[in-house]
Amino acid sequence: MRKMLDLLSLKLLRRIEIRYRLINSFLLVSMLPLVIAGIVAYRESSSASQEKVRIFAAELVKQVAQNMLQQIEKIESSSEELAMSERMQNALAGYYSKNPAERAAGHGEIIRLLLENYGSFEYVNQKYVLDRRHRIMDPQVFAQLGDGVARFAEDAPDMKGRPYWDVYSTAAGQNSVVMLRDILFKSNNRVAGTLFVGLRPLHFSRIFESVNLGYGSRMLVIDARDGHVIVSANAADGNAPESGLVVAVARNVAEGRDNFVSYRDGDNKQQLAAFAPVPHTNWMVVNITPLNALNTEVRSIRNKIIAIGVLCFILALVLSFIIARSISLPLKQLVGVMKATRTGNYLIRMDYEGRDEIAVLSQRFNEMASKVHQHNERLEELVAERTRELEQANHQLEALSATDSLTGIANRRRFDEALGGELRRAVRSQKPLALMMLDVDYFKNYNDRYGHLAGDDCLRAIARVLRTSSRRATDLAARYGGEEFAVIVAESDSANAMQLAENIRNAVAALQIAHEDSPFGCVTCSIGVTAVQVDEDMSTDTLLRLADVALYQAKALGRNRVALSDPAGATG
């Protein structure tokens, strides 16, 4: 019996193309009456299912739109509170001040306010305050990013006092849902700047987590202007615009119908969609249900009717079994070979015989596997090459982020990291740690007399002195802020630190940079030195406080000198 089945299904029938096998089998099994009954039941049940979806989906999108509006209003409320706060008002006033110190303080306060209000929220992608010319007030932001944000803000329509919501895409392809809000001075109601807050779309997609109409429906938030997807409950939806839906909605609204439309998507598949606008935005919440998925239950009833009829045709069952076996056995073998390629082994091949479509498919699979294997080898080489390039770029970026752009020495961020690390190392090694704080004497007078460009040249010259004075790998010279510099000297007692400070002071004076508004006639510096035997209770704040006290003493004693702090009164 088995040999006879093999002869029919694997030898004789395999010589006939699959489509002719199936046609012949359907001709032998005539089920016309059941097919007609199934079509009638299908159409009636389909209409009832569409009406049910229309009612439930319309209510569902209204509720989601309201929930999204609540999320938007919550973010708008917190942003308004920040924009109208006294701290933000004062910081912006300082930022526009002509006084460099007030401007720097205002700028720093703005950065702190952004971190305090949005830094702890993982769903916030970007947070910036833009000035009146739409420039980001944070100088450490990359130029390319700053230009993109500026263009986004410039292209935004007149907000008329309300926040503006839209989608912002970075050069790297990262999308953010952005809120723009004008910040006005309370004193004169003039524009002081613009608040830019970029949110991860995932933050809004959580609204959809407990919402599911079934029938393979999708819940989206789209831009009513062009149909682009703003937020999706499923990342697989992509960013392809729902242009057909936008056209159907516009027609529906113009004709005064309810919030339910039928349209064909980009793949020419019939879709049913309920929509509700999100107030104060150009967005719509839509629930899209494929008509084909909606009719699944109806088709199930139809198939059951057909299945009952199939039972009446015993001969058809026998014939179907033989035909199915002629198809399923080689297909199962092909599927097994394809599953084996999941491990990345594309050297495996499919053995085939006959002249039907499965034989052709097996042949094409073998050819494809060979090409994929060659492509994978090339791709692995490219990935390794790109990985090396990325590592080099990361090293360069890390160096840039730790360097002061004006002087070329370490910046405040690198200094803070290094001071903490040296403090911990000093605790372990029980070796003394010295810290010097250097301030350029009468630097404001220098800037006022010679200009800021000359002031920048002066700071760069002093930075070169510090760089050459720090010969050991463990020493670190950094720009602490403005005209202040700091030098970390590891494993150094007070005598060595004082000597190094005197050398630096003498080297600065030896530059002979003319300064007519200084009693010394040239640019000089005051240096505060502290050298302590640290313990576990010692903190970086204590070291900085000791060095600051010594620097104050050097200034109080007439400047252009080195002063050593007394660590006896330090507190951890």
Protein backbone atom coordinates (compact mmCIF):
# COMPACT_ATOMS: atom_id res chain seq x y z
CA MET A 1 0.00 0.00 0.00
CA ARG A 2 2.77 2.46 0.94
CA LYS A 3 4.71 1.63 -2.24
CA MET A 4 1.60 2.33 -4.30
CA LEU A 5 1.11 5.70 -2.56
CA ASP A 6 4.73 6.59 -3.20
CA LEU A 7 4.38 5.65 -6.85
CA LEU A 8 1.29 7.83 -7.30
CA SER A 9 2.35 10.87 -5.22
CA LEU A 10 6.12 10.97 -5.80
CA LYS A 11 6.55 9.58 -9.29
CA LEU A 12 3.48 9.95 -11.46
CA LEU A 13 1.83 13.07 -9.98
CA ARG A 14 5.16 14.88 -9.60
CA ARG A 15 5.36 14.89 -13.39
CA ILE A 16 2.27 17.14 -13.49
CA GLU A 17 2.43 20.78 -12.43
CA ILE A 18 0.84 21.59 -9.08
CA ARG A 19 -1.81 23.92 -10.49
CA TYR A 20 -3.16 21.17 -12.76
CA ARG A 21 -3.28 18.70 -9.87
CA LEU A 22 -5.30 21.18 -7.81
CA ILE A 23 -7.63 22.09 -10.72
CA ASN A 24 -8.39 18.45 -11.40
CA SER A 25 -9.07 17.75 -7.74
CA PHE A 26 -11.49 20.71 -7.44
CA LEU A 27 -13.29 19.63 -10.63
CA LEU A 28 -13.85 16.21 -9.08
CA VAL A 29 -15.29 17.75 -5.92
CA SER A 30 -18.15 20.02 -6.92
CA MET A 31 -19.47 21.95 -3.97
CA LEU A 32 -21.42 24.67 -5.75
CA PRO A 33 -24.53 24.66 -3.47
CA LEU A 34 -22.44 24.99 -0.33
CA VAL A 35 -20.33 27.73 -1.93
CA ILE A 36 -23.47 29.78 -2.71
CA ALA A 37 -24.78 29.35 0.84
CA GLY A 38 -21.38 30.35 2.22
CA ILE A 39 -21.27 33.54 0.10
CA VAL A 40 -24.73 34.65 1.31
CA ALA A 41 -23.82 34.04 4.96
CA TYR A 42 -20.48 35.77 4.45
CA ARG A 43 -22.01 38.99 3.09
CA GLU A 44 -24.65 39.27 5.79
CA SER A 45 -22.20 38.56 8.60
CA SER A 46 -19.64 40.97 7.09
CA SER A 47 -22.11 43.88 7.21
CA ALA A 48 -22.93 43.14 10.87
CA SER A 49 -19.22 42.98 11.78
CA GLN A 50 -18.51 46.31 10.08
CA GLU A 51 -21.33 48.01 11.97
CA LYS A 52 -20.01 46.63 15.28
CA VAL A 53 -16.50 47.88 14.53
CA ARG A 54 -17.84 51.29 13.47
CA ILE A 55 -19.58 51.80 16.82
CA PHE A 56 -16.82 50.50 19.10
CA ALA A 57 -13.87 51.96 17.17
CA ALA A 58 -15.41 55.46 17.06
CA GLU A 59 -15.78 55.50 20.84
CA LEU A 60 -12.33 53.99 21.28
CA VAL A 61 -10.46 56.66 19.28
CA LYS A 62 -12.37 59.44 21.06
CA GLN A 63 -11.23 58.09 24.43
CA VAL A 64 -7.62 57.68 23.25
CA ALA A 65 -7.65 61.22 21.78
CA GLN A 66 -8.86 62.53 25.13
CA ASN A 67 -6.14 60.57 26.96
CA MET A 68 -3.51 61.93 24.60
CA LEU A 69 -4.82 65.46 25.09
CA GLN A 70 -4.44 64.98 28.85
CA GLN A 71 -0.81 63.90 28.35
CA ILE A 72 -0.19 66.93 26.10
CA GLU A 73 -1.84 69.34 28.54
CA LYS A 74 0.20 67.90 31.39
CA ILE A 75 3.45 68.54 29.48
CA GLU A 76 2.25 72.00 28.40
CA SER A 77 1.34 72.89 31.99
CA SER A 78 4.76 71.93 33.34
CA SER A 79 6.48 73.80 30.51
CA GLU A 80 4.42 76.92 31.19
CA GLU A 81 5.33 76.74 34.87
CA LEU A 82 9.01 76.51 33.92
CA ALA A 83 8.77 79.37 31.37
CA MET A 84 7.04 81.71 33.84
CA SER A 85 9.20 80.81 36.84
CA GLU A 86 11.27 83.57 38.41
CA ARG A 87 14.43 81.51 37.97
CA MET A 88 13.90 81.16 34.21
CA GLN A 89 12.92 84.83 33.84
CA ASN A 90 16.02 85.94 35.75
CA ALA A 91 18.28 83.50 33.89
CA LEU A 92 17.08 84.76 30.49
CA ALA A 93 17.49 88.36 31.62
CA GLY A 94 21.05 87.54 32.64
CA TYR A 95 21.70 85.74 29.36
CA TYR A 96 20.86 88.87 27.38
CA SER A 97 22.90 91.07 29.72
CA LYS A 98 25.99 92.82 28.34
CA ASN A 99 27.89 91.82 31.47
CA PRO A 100 29.88 88.65 30.66
CA ALA A 101 29.59 87.36 34.24
CA GLU A 102 25.82 87.84 34.29
CA ARG A 103 25.54 86.29 30.85
CA ALA A 104 27.57 83.24 31.89
CA ALA A 105 25.56 82.89 35.10
CA GLY A 106 22.28 83.17 33.19
CA HIS A 107 23.43 80.58 30.68
CA GLY A 108 24.46 78.18 33.43
CA GLU A 109 21.16 78.66 35.26
CA ILE A 110 19.20 77.85 32.07
CA ILE A 111 21.10 74.57 31.65
CA ARG A 112 20.48 73.70 35.32
CA LEU A 113 16.76 74.45 34.99
CA LEU A 114 16.45 72.16 31.97
CA LEU A 115 18.26 69.34 33.79
CA GLU A 116 16.18 69.83 36.94
CA ASN A 117 12.86 69.83 35.06
CA TYR A 118 13.52 67.24 32.35
CA GLY A 119 16.79 65.47 33.11
CA SER A 120 15.17 62.69 35.16
CA PHE A 121 12.57 61.74 32.53
CA GLU A 122 13.74 58.89 30.32
CA TYR A 123 11.13 59.73 27.70
CA VAL A 124 12.65 63.18 27.04
CA ASN A 125 15.01 63.00 24.03
CA GLN A 126 15.98 66.66 23.73
CA LYS A 127 15.60 69.71 25.95
CA TYR A 128 16.81 73.09 24.79
CA VAL A 129 16.15 76.78 25.25
CA LEU A 130 16.55 78.75 22.02
CA ASP A 131 17.30 82.47 21.92
CA ARG A 132 15.39 85.00 19.84
CA ARG A 133 17.37 83.92 16.75
CA HIS A 134 16.47 80.27 17.39
CA ARG A 135 20.00 79.34 18.40
CA ILE A 136 20.46 76.72 21.12
CA MET A 137 21.83 78.35 24.25
CA ASP A 138 24.00 75.30 25.06
CA PRO A 139 27.42 75.79 23.33
CA GLN A 140 28.30 72.09 23.71
CA VAL A 141 25.53 71.02 21.31
CA PHE A 142 26.92 69.87 17.96
CA ALA A 143 26.58 72.39 15.16
CA GLN A 144 24.68 69.98 12.91
CA LEU A 145 22.12 69.28 15.64
CA GLY A 146 21.85 72.99 16.48
CA ASP A 147 21.20 73.88 12.82
CA GLY A 148 18.48 71.24 12.56
CA VAL A 149 16.73 72.46 15.70
CA ALA A 150 16.99 76.08 14.51
CA ARG A 151 15.44 75.22 11.14
CA PHE A 152 12.65 73.32 12.89
CA ALA A 153 11.86 76.30 15.11
CA GLU A 154 12.01 78.76 12.20
CA ASP A 155 9.63 76.62 10.09
CA ALA A 156 7.07 76.44 12.92
CA PRO A 157 3.97 78.60 12.37
CA ASP A 158 3.03 81.52 14.61
CA MET A 159 2.04 79.86 17.89
CA LYS A 160 -0.11 82.83 19.04
CA GLY A 161 0.77 82.16 22.64
CA ARG A 162 0.02 78.42 22.54
CA PRO A 163 2.54 75.57 22.38
CA TYR A 164 3.14 74.05 18.94
CA TRP A 165 3.43 70.25 18.49
CA ASP A 166 5.11 68.49 15.59
CA VAL A 167 7.58 65.70 14.79
CA TYR A 168 11.33 66.40 14.57
CA SER A 169 13.73 64.00 12.84
CA THR A 170 17.47 64.18 13.55
CA ALA A 171 20.15 63.51 10.95
CA ALA A 172 20.56 60.06 12.51
CA GLY A 173 16.92 59.23 11.78
CA GLN A 174 15.73 59.48 15.38
CA ASN A 175 12.17 60.85 15.65
CA SER A 176 10.89 62.95 18.52
CA VAL A 177 7.47 64.39 19.29
CA VAL A 178 8.38 68.04 19.93
CA MET A 179 6.64 70.78 21.86
CA LEU A 180 7.70 74.37 21.07
CA ARG A 181 6.67 77.15 23.45
CA ASP A 182 7.54 80.83 23.34
CA ILE A 183 9.00 82.18 26.61
CA LEU A 184 7.87 85.74 27.25
CA PHE A 185 9.34 88.26 29.67
CA LYS A 186 6.64 88.94 32.24
CA SER A 187 7.75 92.54 32.56
CA ASN A 188 7.08 93.58 28.92
CA ASN A 189 5.50 90.49 27.28
CA ARG A 190 8.36 90.36 24.74
CA VAL A 191 9.71 87.08 23.42
CA ALA A 192 12.74 86.00 25.47
CA GLY A 193 13.31 82.63 23.85
CA THR A 194 11.73 79.35 22.84
CA LEU A 195 11.47 76.13 24.87
CA PHE A 196 12.17 73.00 22.76
CA VAL A 197 11.21 69.67 24.40
CA GLY A 198 11.55 66.48 22.35
CA LEU A 199 9.76 63.36 23.62
CA ARG A 200 10.13 59.73 22.63
CA PRO A 201 7.06 58.59 20.65
CA LEU A 202 7.04 55.54 22.96
CA HIS A 203 5.86 57.84 25.76
CA PHE A 204 2.56 58.42 23.96
CA SER A 205 2.25 54.89 22.56
CA ARG A 206 1.77 53.62 26.12
CA ILE A 207 -1.72 55.10 25.89
CA PHE A 208 -2.53 52.27 23.47
CA GLU A 209 -1.17 49.42 25.61
CA SER A 210 -4.54 48.49 27.13
CA VAL A 211 -6.53 49.39 23.99
CA ASN A 212 -7.17 46.63 21.48
CA LEU A 213 -10.27 46.32 19.33
CA GLY A 214 -9.14 42.99 17.93
CA TYR A 215 -9.50 41.92 14.28
CA GLY A 216 -5.84 42.83 13.67
CA SER A 217 -6.59 46.53 14.12
CA ARG A 218 -3.86 49.16 14.54
CA MET A 219 -4.01 52.27 16.71
CA LEU A 220 -2.03 55.23 15.34
CA VAL A 221 -1.63 58.97 15.74
CA ILE A 222 -1.08 60.55 12.32
CA ASP A 223 -0.50 64.06 10.98
CA ALA A 224 -3.80 65.17 9.41
CA ARG A 225 -1.88 67.25 6.87
CA ASP A 226 0.06 64.48 5.12
CA GLY A 227 -0.74 61.23 6.94
CA HIS A 228 2.71 60.64 8.41
CA VAL A 229 2.70 58.41 11.49
CA ILE A 230 3.38 60.38 14.69
CA VAL A 231 2.91 57.64 17.31
CA SER A 232 2.22 53.95 16.87
CA ALA A 233 1.45 51.17 19.31
CA ASN A 234 3.54 48.86 17.13
CA ALA A 235 7.07 49.80 15.97
CA ALA A 236 6.53 47.54 12.92
CA ASP A 237 4.04 50.05 11.48
CA GLY A 238 6.95 52.19 10.25
CA ASN A 239 6.71 55.80 9.07
CA ALA A 240 4.98 55.32 5.71
CA PRO A 241 2.33 58.05 5.30
CA GLU A 242 -1.32 57.05 5.42
CA SER A 243 -2.12 59.36 2.49
CA GLY A 244 -5.18 57.41 1.38
CA LEU A 245 -6.63 57.71 4.88
CA VAL A 246 -6.06 61.49 4.96
CA VAL A 247 -7.90 61.94 1.64
CA ALA A 248 -10.80 59.78 2.83
CA VAL A 249 -11.05 61.66 6.14
CA ALA A 250 -11.01 65.06 4.41
CA ARG A 251 -13.82 63.93 2.10
CA ASN A 252 -15.79 62.52 5.00
CA VAL A 253 -15.48 65.76 7.03
CA ALA A 254 -16.44 67.90 4.03
CA GLU A 255 -19.60 65.83 3.52
CA GLY A 256 -20.50 66.06 7.23
CA ARG A 257 -20.47 62.30 7.89
CA ASP A 258 -19.53 60.52 11.10
CA ASN A 259 -15.93 59.75 12.08
CA PHE A 260 -15.70 56.43 10.21
CA VAL A 261 -14.28 55.90 6.71
CA SER A 262 -13.41 53.14 4.29
CA TYR A 263 -10.36 53.47 2.06
CA ARG A 264 -7.65 51.54 0.25
CA ASP A 265 -4.07 51.69 1.58
CA GLY A 266 -0.83 51.81 -0.38
CA ASP A 267 -1.05 48.05 -1.02
CA ASN A 268 -4.59 48.53 -2.42
CA LYS A 269 -6.08 46.67 0.55
CA GLN A 270 -9.47 47.73 1.87
CA GLN A 271 -9.25 49.29 5.36
CA LEU A 272 -11.85 50.57 7.80
CA ALA A 273 -10.81 53.49 10.01
CA ALA A 274 -12.37 55.43 12.88
CA PHE A 275 -10.73 58.78 13.66
CA ALA A 276 -10.83 61.54 16.24
CA PRO A 277 -8.83 64.80 16.18
CA VAL A 278 -6.43 65.70 19.01
CA PRO A 279 -7.39 69.28 20.02
CA HIS A 280 -4.83 72.10 19.56
CA THR A 281 -2.74 69.94 17.18
CA ASN A 282 -2.73 68.81 13.54
CA TRP A 283 -2.96 65.18 14.66
CA MET A 284 -5.65 62.53 14.54
CA VAL A 285 -6.02 59.34 16.54
CA VAL A 286 -7.08 56.58 14.13
CA ASN A 287 -7.97 52.93 14.55
CA ILE A 288 -7.38 51.03 11.31
CA THR A 289 -8.96 47.62 10.87
CA PRO A 290 -8.19 45.51 7.77
CA LEU A 291 -11.45 44.48 6.15
CA ASN A 292 -9.91 41.13 5.39
CA ALA A 293 -9.12 40.52 9.09
CA LEU A 294 -12.60 41.72 10.10
CA ASN A 295 -14.17 39.07 7.92
CA THR A 296 -12.05 36.28 9.42
CA GLU A 297 -14.84 35.12 11.72
CA VAL A 298 -17.31 35.23 8.86
CA ARG A 299 -14.97 33.23 6.67
CA SER A 300 -14.66 30.72 9.47
CA ILE A 301 -18.40 30.09 9.35
CA ARG A 302 -18.27 29.79 5.59
CA ASN A 303 -15.40 27.31 5.80
CA LYS A 304 -17.31 25.18 8.28
CA ILE A 305 -20.20 24.96 5.82
CA ILE A 306 -17.82 23.91 3.11
CA ALA A 307 -16.10 21.41 5.44
CA ILE A 308 -19.43 19.71 6.09
CA GLY A 309 -19.87 19.22 2.38
CA VAL A 310 -16.35 17.89 2.02
CA LEU A 311 -17.17 15.07 4.41
CA CYS A 312 -19.72 13.85 1.91
CA PHE A 313 -17.13 13.28 -0.73
CA ILE A 314 -15.05 10.33 0.42
CA LEU A 315 -13.49 9.93 -2.96
CA ALA A 316 -12.37 13.58 -2.86
CA LEU A 317 -10.71 13.02 0.52
CA VAL A 318 -8.72 10.10 -0.80
CA LEU A 319 -7.69 12.01 -3.89
CA SER A 320 -6.79 15.12 -1.82
CA PHE A 321 -4.65 13.00 0.47
CA ILE A 322 -2.66 11.62 -2.44
CA ILE A 323 -2.22 15.07 -4.00
CA ALA A 324 -1.33 16.68 -0.66
CA ARG A 325 1.26 14.02 -0.06
CA SER A 326 2.85 14.69 -3.43
CA ILE A 327 3.19 18.33 -2.41
CA SER A 328 3.75 18.20 1.34
CA LEU A 329 6.62 15.70 1.46
CA PRO A 330 9.03 17.64 -0.77
CA LEU A 331 7.84 20.92 0.76
CA LYS A 332 8.50 19.57 4.24
CA GLN A 333 12.00 18.62 3.14
CA LEU A 334 12.51 22.11 1.68
CA VAL A 335 11.17 23.76 4.86
CA GLY A 336 13.52 21.60 6.93
CA VAL A 337 16.49 22.74 4.86
CA MET A 338 15.37 26.39 5.13
CA LYS A 339 15.02 26.11 8.93
CA ALA A 340 18.54 24.72 9.07
CA THR A 341 19.79 27.98 7.54
CA ARG A 342 18.59 29.90 10.63
CA THR A 343 21.89 29.06 12.29
CA GLY A 344 23.68 30.88 9.47
CA ASN A 345 24.72 27.74 7.60
CA TYR A 346 23.99 28.62 3.97
CA LEU A 347 26.17 25.82 2.64
CA ILE A 348 23.36 23.27 3.03
CA ARG A 349 21.61 22.25 -0.22
CA MET A 350 18.23 20.76 -1.18
CA ASP A 351 18.11 17.49 -3.10
CA TYR A 352 15.32 17.55 -5.69
CA GLU A 353 13.86 15.58 -8.56
CA GLY A 354 10.98 15.99 -11.01
CA ARG A 355 9.93 18.94 -13.18
CA ASP A 356 7.25 20.64 -11.09
CA GLU A 357 7.31 24.02 -9.30
CA ILE A 358 8.77 22.49 -6.11
CA ALA A 359 11.75 21.21 -8.07
CA VAL A 360 12.23 24.69 -9.60
CA LEU A 361 11.84 26.25 -6.13
CA SER A 362 14.45 23.87 -4.70
CA GLN A 363 16.86 24.77 -7.49
CA ARG A 364 16.30 28.49 -6.91
CA PHE A 365 16.77 28.02 -3.17
CA ASN A 366 20.15 26.41 -3.72
CA GLU A 367 21.19 29.32 -5.95
CA MET A 368 19.91 31.84 -3.40
CA ALA A 369 21.74 30.10 -0.53
CA SER A 370 25.00 30.35 -2.45
CA LYS A 371 24.48 34.08 -3.06
CA VAL A 372 23.50 34.70 0.57
CA HIS A 373 26.61 32.89 1.77
CA GLN A 374 28.81 35.09 -0.43
CA HIS A 375 26.91 38.21 0.70
CA ASN A 376 27.28 37.28 4.38
CA GLU A 377 31.00 36.90 4.03
CA ARG A 378 31.25 40.34 2.43
CA LEU A 379 28.87 41.82 5.02
CA GLU A 380 30.97 40.49 7.91
CA GLU A 381 34.02 42.17 6.39
CA LEU A 382 32.13 45.47 6.04
CA VAL A 383 30.78 45.25 9.60
CA ALA A 384 34.27 44.70 10.99
CA GLU A 385 35.58 47.66 8.97
CA ARG A 386 32.72 49.96 10.10
CA THR A 387 33.20 48.84 13.71
CA ARG A 388 36.84 49.89 13.61
CA GLU A 389 35.90 53.27 12.12
CA LEU A 390 33.21 53.77 14.77
CA GLU A 391 35.66 53.00 17.58
CA GLN A 392 38.10 55.59 16.20
CA ALA A 393 35.32 58.18 15.94
CA ASN A 394 34.21 57.45 19.52
CA HIS A 395 37.76 57.95 20.80
CA GLN A 396 37.97 61.30 19.00
CA LEU A 397 34.56 62.35 20.32
CA GLU A 398 35.51 61.40 23.87
CA ALA A 399 38.67 63.52 23.64
CA LEU A 400 36.73 66.51 22.31
CA SER A 401 34.09 66.29 25.07
CA ALA A 402 36.82 66.54 27.75
CA THR A 403 38.73 69.48 26.21
CA ASP A 404 38.13 73.20 26.67
CA SER A 405 37.50 74.63 23.20
CA LEU A 406 39.26 77.94 23.90
CA THR A 407 42.48 76.87 25.63
CA GLY A 408 42.91 73.28 24.45
CA ILE A 409 43.45 71.95 27.99
CA ALA A 410 41.00 69.89 30.05
CA ASN A 411 37.56 71.42 30.65
CA ARG A 412 35.56 71.57 33.88
CA ARG A 413 33.88 68.23 33.23
CA ARG A 414 37.20 66.43 32.77
CA PHE A 415 38.61 68.21 35.82
CA ASP A 416 35.71 67.08 38.05
CA GLU A 417 36.11 63.46 36.89
CA ALA A 418 39.89 63.51 37.37
CA LEU A 419 39.71 65.14 40.83
CA GLY A 420 37.28 62.49 42.05
CA GLY A 421 39.45 59.72 40.65
CA GLU A 422 42.67 61.11 42.15
CA LEU A 423 40.95 61.56 45.52
CA ARG A 424 39.94 57.90 45.57
CA ARG A 425 43.41 56.83 44.46
CA ALA A 426 45.02 58.95 47.18
CA VAL A 427 42.80 57.29 49.80
CA ARG A 428 43.95 53.85 48.63
CA SER A 429 47.64 54.74 48.33
CA GLN A 430 47.77 56.98 51.46
CA LYS A 431 49.82 59.49 49.45
CA PRO A 432 49.22 63.28 49.75
CA LEU A 433 47.20 65.09 47.10
CA ALA A 434 47.74 68.73 46.08
CA LEU A 435 45.36 71.07 44.28
CA MET A 436 46.09 74.54 42.89
CA MET A 437 43.55 77.21 41.92
CA LEU A 438 44.91 79.97 39.66
CA ASP A 439 43.17 83.27 38.89
CA VAL A 440 44.40 85.88 36.39
CA ASP A 441 44.86 89.19 38.23
CA TYR A 442 42.70 92.10 37.08
CA PHE A 443 41.45 90.09 34.11
CA LYS A 444 38.19 92.01 33.78
CA ASN A 445 40.20 95.23 33.46
CA TYR A 446 42.34 93.52 30.83
CA ASN A 447 39.26 92.51 28.82
CA ASP A 448 37.75 95.98 29.12
CA ARG A 449 40.95 97.67 27.93
CA TYR A 450 42.24 95.27 25.25
CA GLY A 451 39.04 93.47 24.16
CA HIS A 452 37.82 89.92 24.42
CA LEU A 453 39.96 88.62 21.55
CA ALA A 454 43.08 89.74 23.40
CA GLY A 455 41.63 88.23 26.57
CA ASP A 456 41.20 84.89 24.78
CA ASP A 457 44.83 85.03 23.57
CA CYS A 458 45.93 85.76 27.15
CA LEU A 459 44.04 82.73 28.49
CA ARG A 460 45.55 80.51 25.80
CA ALA A 461 49.05 81.67 26.68
CA ILE A 462 48.51 80.87 30.38
CA ALA A 463 47.08 77.48 29.42
CA ARG A 464 50.31 76.73 27.51
CA VAL A 465 52.30 77.59 30.65
CA LEU A 466 50.19 75.18 32.70
CA ARG A 467 50.49 72.45 30.09
CA THR A 468 54.30 72.67 30.02
CA SER A 469 54.52 72.90 33.83
CA SER A 470 52.56 69.67 34.32
CA ARG A 471 55.16 67.10 33.25
CA ARG A 472 53.87 64.03 35.06
CA ALA A 473 51.14 61.89 33.52
CA THR A 474 49.11 62.06 36.74
CA ASP A 475 49.11 65.91 36.80
CA LEU A 476 46.14 67.59 35.16
CA ALA A 477 45.74 71.26 34.21
CA ALA A 478 42.20 72.41 33.46
CA ARG A 479 40.23 75.54 32.79
CA TYR A 480 37.95 75.81 35.82
CA GLY A 481 35.82 78.64 34.46
CA GLY A 482 36.31 82.13 33.02
CA GLU A 483 39.84 83.27 33.97
CA GLU A 484 40.23 80.56 36.65
CA PHE A 485 42.41 77.49 36.15
CA ALA A 486 43.04 74.45 38.32
CA VAL A 487 45.97 72.01 38.52
CA ILE A 488 45.81 68.57 40.17
CA VAL A 489 49.20 67.36 41.47
CA ALA A 490 49.09 63.76 42.70
CA GLU A 491 51.49 62.39 45.35
CA SER A 492 52.83 65.85 46.21
CA ASP A 493 53.35 67.48 49.60
CA SER A 494 52.93 71.20 50.28
CA ALA A 495 56.60 72.05 49.65
CA ASN A 496 56.64 70.49 46.17
CA ALA A 497 53.23 71.98 45.36
CA MET A 498 54.32 75.44 46.48
CA GLN A 499 57.47 75.20 44.39
CA LEU A 500 55.46 74.15 41.33
CA ALA A 501 53.01 77.03 41.93
CA GLU A 502 55.87 79.54 42.19
CA ASN A 503 57.32 78.20 38.93
CA ILE A 504 53.94 78.70 37.25
CA ARG A 505 53.53 82.20 38.68
CA ASN A 506 57.02 83.18 37.53
CA ALA A 507 56.41 81.66 34.09
CA VAL A 508 53.18 83.66 33.68
CA ALA A 509 54.93 86.88 34.70
CA ALA A 510 57.79 86.02 32.32
CA LEU A 511 55.33 86.08 29.40
CA GLN A 512 55.42 89.89 29.83
CA ILE A 513 51.91 90.37 28.46
CA ALA A 514 51.35 94.12 28.78
CA HIS A 515 48.56 95.13 31.20
CA GLU A 516 48.47 98.89 31.82
CA ASP A 517 45.49 98.62 34.20
CA SER A 518 47.45 96.35 36.54
CA PRO A 519 49.81 97.73 39.21
CA PHE A 520 52.37 95.15 38.01
CA GLY A 521 52.36 96.47 34.43
CA CYS A 522 51.90 93.02 32.96
CA VAL A 523 49.59 90.03 33.26
CA THR A 524 50.16 88.15 36.53
CA CYS A 525 48.29 85.49 38.46
CA SER A 526 47.41 84.58 42.00
CA ILE A 527 47.58 80.93 43.04
CA GLY A 528 45.99 79.15 46.00
CA VAL A 529 47.57 75.84 47.00
CA THR A 530 46.35 73.06 49.24
CA ALA A 531 48.18 69.79 49.91
CA VAL A 532 46.52 67.28 52.22
CA GLN A 533 46.75 63.72 53.41
CA VAL A 534 43.30 62.58 52.40
CA ASP A 535 41.09 60.01 54.10
CA GLU A 536 37.74 58.40 53.36
CA ASP A 537 35.85 61.38 54.83
CA MET A 538 37.55 63.87 52.52
CA SER A 539 35.43 65.12 49.58
CA THR A 540 36.21 67.01 46.39
CA ASP A 541 34.19 69.94 47.70
CA THR A 542 36.54 70.15 50.71
CA LEU A 543 39.62 70.21 48.47
CA LEU A 544 38.10 72.90 46.27
CA ARG A 545 37.11 74.93 49.33
CA LEU A 546 40.66 74.77 50.72
CA ALA A 547 42.16 75.85 47.40
CA ASP A 548 39.60 78.66 47.08
CA VAL A 549 40.48 79.91 50.58
CA ALA A 550 44.18 79.93 49.67
CA LEU A 551 43.39 81.77 46.42
CA TYR A 552 41.44 84.36 48.39
CA GLN A 553 44.39 84.81 50.73
CA ALA A 554 46.74 85.34 47.78
CA LYS A 555 44.44 88.03 46.41
CA ALA A 556 43.98 89.65 49.83
CA LEU A 557 47.75 89.87 50.24
CA GLY A 558 48.11 91.92 47.08
CA ARG A 559 47.88 89.38 44.21
CA ASN A 560 50.75 88.06 42.06
CA ARG A 561 51.68 85.58 44.75
CA VAL A 562 51.18 82.02 45.97
CA ALA A 563 49.32 81.21 49.20
CA LEU A 564 49.06 77.89 51.02
CA SER A 565 45.81 76.95 52.78
CA ASP A 566 45.59 75.54 56.29
CA PRO A 567 43.74 72.22 56.03
CA ALA A 568 43.13 72.10 59.78
CA GLY A 569 39.70 73.67 59.47
CA ALA A 570 38.49 71.56 56.55
CA THR A 571 35.20 69.77 56.81
CA GLY A 572 34.27 66.71 54.73
